[in-house]
Amino acid sequence: MNNPHKGWIYAVRKALGMSARQVGVRMGIRQQSVKRLELNEVDESITVRSMKKAAAAMDCKFVYQFIKKD
């Protein structure tokens, strides 16, 4: 499965109809920081902790897993 072009945080946020500001309020950070998290996810520099916090702010659960290649 491929990741969404703009990342999971962005994709889920948009699917839920949430603004970056709304997610930021729930995370206790600024809108610009949410945008930075989204960019960090795309360039693969985001932390698992940040992914968990973003997921929780959108009432989601973050799941991290390894899947064996065929």
N, C-alpha and C. Protein backbone atom coordinates (compact mmCIF):
# COMPACT_ATOMS: atom_id res chain seq x y z
N MET A 1 0.85 -1.19 0.00
CA MET A 1 0.00 0.00 0.00
C MET A 1 0.89 1.24 0.00
N ASN A 2 0.59 2.16 -0.86
CA ASN A 2 1.35 3.40 -0.94
C ASN A 2 0.76 4.44 0.00
N ASN A 3 1.63 5.32 0.48
CA ASN A 3 1.17 6.41 1.32
C ASN A 3 0.53 7.48 0.46
N PRO A 4 -0.44 8.22 1.00
CA PRO A 4 -1.01 9.34 0.25
C PRO A 4 0.08 10.35 -0.09
N HIS A 5 -0.03 10.97 -1.23
CA HIS A 5 0.97 11.92 -1.73
C HIS A 5 1.33 13.00 -0.70
N LYS A 6 0.33 13.53 0.00
CA LYS A 6 0.56 14.58 0.99
C LYS A 6 0.62 14.03 2.42
N GLY A 7 0.68 12.71 2.57
CA GLY A 7 0.80 12.09 3.89
C GLY A 7 -0.54 11.74 4.51
N TRP A 8 -0.45 10.89 5.53
CA TRP A 8 -1.65 10.41 6.22
C TRP A 8 -2.30 11.49 7.07
N ILE A 9 -1.51 12.31 7.73
CA ILE A 9 -2.10 13.35 8.59
C ILE A 9 -2.98 14.26 7.74
N TYR A 10 -2.45 14.73 6.63
CA TYR A 10 -3.20 15.60 5.73
C TYR A 10 -4.43 14.88 5.19
N ALA A 11 -4.25 13.66 4.70
CA ALA A 11 -5.34 12.91 4.09
C ALA A 11 -6.48 12.66 5.07
N VAL A 12 -6.15 12.24 6.28
CA VAL A 12 -7.19 11.96 7.28
C VAL A 12 -7.85 13.25 7.74
N ARG A 13 -7.04 14.28 7.95
CA ARG A 13 -7.59 15.58 8.37
C ARG A 13 -8.61 16.08 7.34
N LYS A 14 -8.25 16.01 6.07
CA LYS A 14 -9.15 16.46 5.01
C LYS A 14 -10.40 15.57 4.93
N ALA A 15 -10.22 14.26 5.05
CA ALA A 15 -11.36 13.34 5.00
C ALA A 15 -12.34 13.61 6.13
N LEU A 16 -11.83 14.04 7.27
CA LEU A 16 -12.68 14.34 8.42
C LEU A 16 -13.25 15.76 8.37
N GLY A 17 -12.80 16.54 7.39
CA GLY A 17 -13.28 17.92 7.27
C GLY A 17 -12.71 18.83 8.32
N MET A 18 -11.52 18.52 8.81
CA MET A 18 -10.89 19.32 9.85
C MET A 18 -9.84 20.26 9.25
N SER A 19 -9.75 21.44 9.80
CA SER A 19 -8.71 22.38 9.39
C SER A 19 -7.44 22.10 10.19
N ALA A 20 -6.33 22.62 9.70
CA ALA A 20 -5.07 22.50 10.44
C ALA A 20 -5.20 23.21 11.78
N ARG A 21 -5.95 24.29 11.81
CA ARG A 21 -6.15 25.02 13.06
C ARG A 21 -6.89 24.16 14.08
N GLN A 22 -7.93 23.45 13.63
CA GLN A 22 -8.69 22.59 14.55
C GLN A 22 -7.81 21.48 15.12
N VAL A 23 -7.01 20.87 14.28
CA VAL A 23 -6.10 19.82 14.76
C VAL A 23 -5.09 20.43 15.72
N GLY A 24 -4.58 21.60 15.38
CA GLY A 24 -3.62 22.28 16.24
C GLY A 24 -4.17 22.59 17.62
N VAL A 25 -5.41 23.06 17.66
CA VAL A 25 -6.04 23.37 18.95
C VAL A 25 -6.10 22.10 19.79
N ARG A 26 -6.49 21.00 19.18
CA ARG A 26 -6.58 19.74 19.92
C ARG A 26 -5.21 19.22 20.36
N MET A 27 -4.17 19.56 19.59
CA MET A 27 -2.81 19.12 19.95
C MET A 27 -2.11 20.11 20.86
N GLY A 28 -2.66 21.31 21.00
CA GLY A 28 -2.02 22.35 21.80
C GLY A 28 -0.86 23.00 21.07
N ILE A 29 -0.94 23.03 19.72
CA ILE A 29 0.09 23.67 18.91
C ILE A 29 -0.57 24.60 17.90
N ARG A 30 0.24 25.40 17.22
CA ARG A 30 -0.29 26.36 16.24
C ARG A 30 -0.56 25.68 14.90
N GLN A 31 -1.40 26.31 14.11
CA GLN A 31 -1.74 25.81 12.78
C GLN A 31 -0.48 25.58 11.95
N GLN A 32 0.47 26.51 12.03
CA GLN A 32 1.71 26.39 11.26
C GLN A 32 2.49 25.14 11.67
N SER A 33 2.39 24.77 12.94
CA SER A 33 3.08 23.57 13.42
C SER A 33 2.44 22.31 12.88
N VAL A 34 1.13 22.33 12.69
CA VAL A 34 0.44 21.19 12.08
C VAL A 34 0.92 21.04 10.64
N LYS A 35 1.00 22.15 9.93
CA LYS A 35 1.49 22.12 8.55
C LYS A 35 2.92 21.57 8.50
N ARG A 36 3.73 21.95 9.48
CA ARG A 36 5.11 21.46 9.55
C ARG A 36 5.11 19.94 9.79
N LEU A 37 4.24 19.46 10.67
CA LEU A 37 4.13 18.01 10.90
C LEU A 37 3.78 17.28 9.62
N GLU A 38 2.85 17.85 8.86
CA GLU A 38 2.44 17.23 7.59
C GLU A 38 3.62 17.15 6.63
N LEU A 39 4.40 18.21 6.56
CA LEU A 39 5.59 18.21 5.69
C LEU A 39 6.64 17.23 6.20
N ASN A 40 6.82 17.19 7.52
CA ASN A 40 7.79 16.24 8.10
C ASN A 40 7.39 14.80 7.83
N GLU A 41 6.10 14.53 7.82
CA GLU A 41 5.66 13.18 7.50
C GLU A 41 6.03 12.82 6.07
N VAL A 42 5.78 13.73 5.14
CA VAL A 42 6.08 13.48 3.73
C VAL A 42 7.58 13.26 3.51
N ASP A 43 8.42 14.05 4.19
CA ASP A 43 9.87 13.87 4.00
C ASP A 43 10.48 12.85 4.97
N GLU A 44 9.60 12.13 5.68
CA GLU A 44 9.97 11.01 6.56
C GLU A 44 10.86 11.40 7.75
N SER A 45 10.68 12.65 8.22
CA SER A 45 11.43 13.06 9.41
C SER A 45 10.54 13.22 10.64
N ILE A 46 9.27 12.83 10.54
CA ILE A 46 8.35 12.93 11.66
C ILE A 46 8.63 11.81 12.67
N THR A 47 8.32 12.05 13.92
CA THR A 47 8.51 11.02 14.94
C THR A 47 7.23 10.21 15.12
N VAL A 48 7.39 9.01 15.64
CA VAL A 48 6.22 8.18 15.95
C VAL A 48 5.36 8.88 16.99
N ARG A 49 5.98 9.53 17.94
CA ARG A 49 5.24 10.26 18.97
C ARG A 49 4.34 11.33 18.35
N SER A 50 4.87 12.07 17.38
CA SER A 50 4.07 13.10 16.72
C SER A 50 2.92 12.50 15.92
N MET A 51 3.17 11.37 15.29
CA MET A 51 2.10 10.69 14.55
C MET A 51 0.98 10.26 15.51
N LYS A 52 1.37 9.74 16.68
CA LYS A 52 0.38 9.33 17.67
C LYS A 52 -0.44 10.52 18.16
N LYS A 53 0.23 11.64 18.42
CA LYS A 53 -0.47 12.83 18.89
C LYS A 53 -1.42 13.37 17.83
N ALA A 54 -0.98 13.39 16.59
CA ALA A 54 -1.84 13.87 15.51
C ALA A 54 -3.05 12.95 15.35
N ALA A 55 -2.82 11.67 15.40
CA ALA A 55 -3.93 10.71 15.29
C ALA A 55 -4.94 10.92 16.42
N ALA A 56 -4.45 11.06 17.63
CA ALA A 56 -5.35 11.27 18.78
C ALA A 56 -6.15 12.55 18.62
N ALA A 57 -5.52 13.59 18.08
CA ALA A 57 -6.22 14.87 17.89
C ALA A 57 -7.36 14.74 16.88
N MET A 58 -7.26 13.73 16.02
CA MET A 58 -8.32 13.51 15.02
C MET A 58 -9.21 12.33 15.42
N ASP A 59 -9.16 11.97 16.70
CA ASP A 59 -9.94 10.84 17.23
C ASP A 59 -9.65 9.54 16.49
N CYS A 60 -8.37 9.33 16.19
CA CYS A 60 -7.91 8.12 15.51
C CYS A 60 -6.85 7.43 16.36
N LYS A 61 -6.55 6.22 16.00
CA LYS A 61 -5.48 5.46 16.64
C LYS A 61 -4.38 5.26 15.62
N PHE A 62 -3.15 5.57 15.98
CA PHE A 62 -2.00 5.38 15.09
C PHE A 62 -1.50 3.95 15.24
N VAL A 63 -1.31 3.27 14.11
CA VAL A 63 -0.83 1.89 14.11
C VAL A 63 0.46 1.85 13.30
N TYR A 64 1.51 1.32 13.89
CA TYR A 64 2.82 1.20 13.25
C TYR A 64 3.10 -0.27 13.10
N GLN A 65 3.45 -0.72 11.90
CA GLN A 65 3.64 -2.16 11.73
C GLN A 65 4.66 -2.47 10.65
N PHE A 66 5.19 -3.65 10.71
CA PHE A 66 6.05 -4.20 9.66
C PHE A 66 5.25 -5.26 8.93
N ILE A 67 5.36 -5.28 7.62
CA ILE A 67 4.68 -6.28 6.80
C ILE A 67 5.74 -6.96 5.95
N LYS A 68 5.82 -8.27 6.05
CA LYS A 68 6.81 -9.01 5.28
C LYS A 68 6.52 -8.90 3.79
N LYS A 69 7.59 -8.68 3.03
CA LYS A 69 7.46 -8.66 1.58
C LYS A 69 7.19 -10.07 1.08
N ASP A 70 6.56 -10.18 -0.05
CA ASP A 70 6.28 -11.50 -0.64
C ASP A 70 7.57 -12.19 -1.04
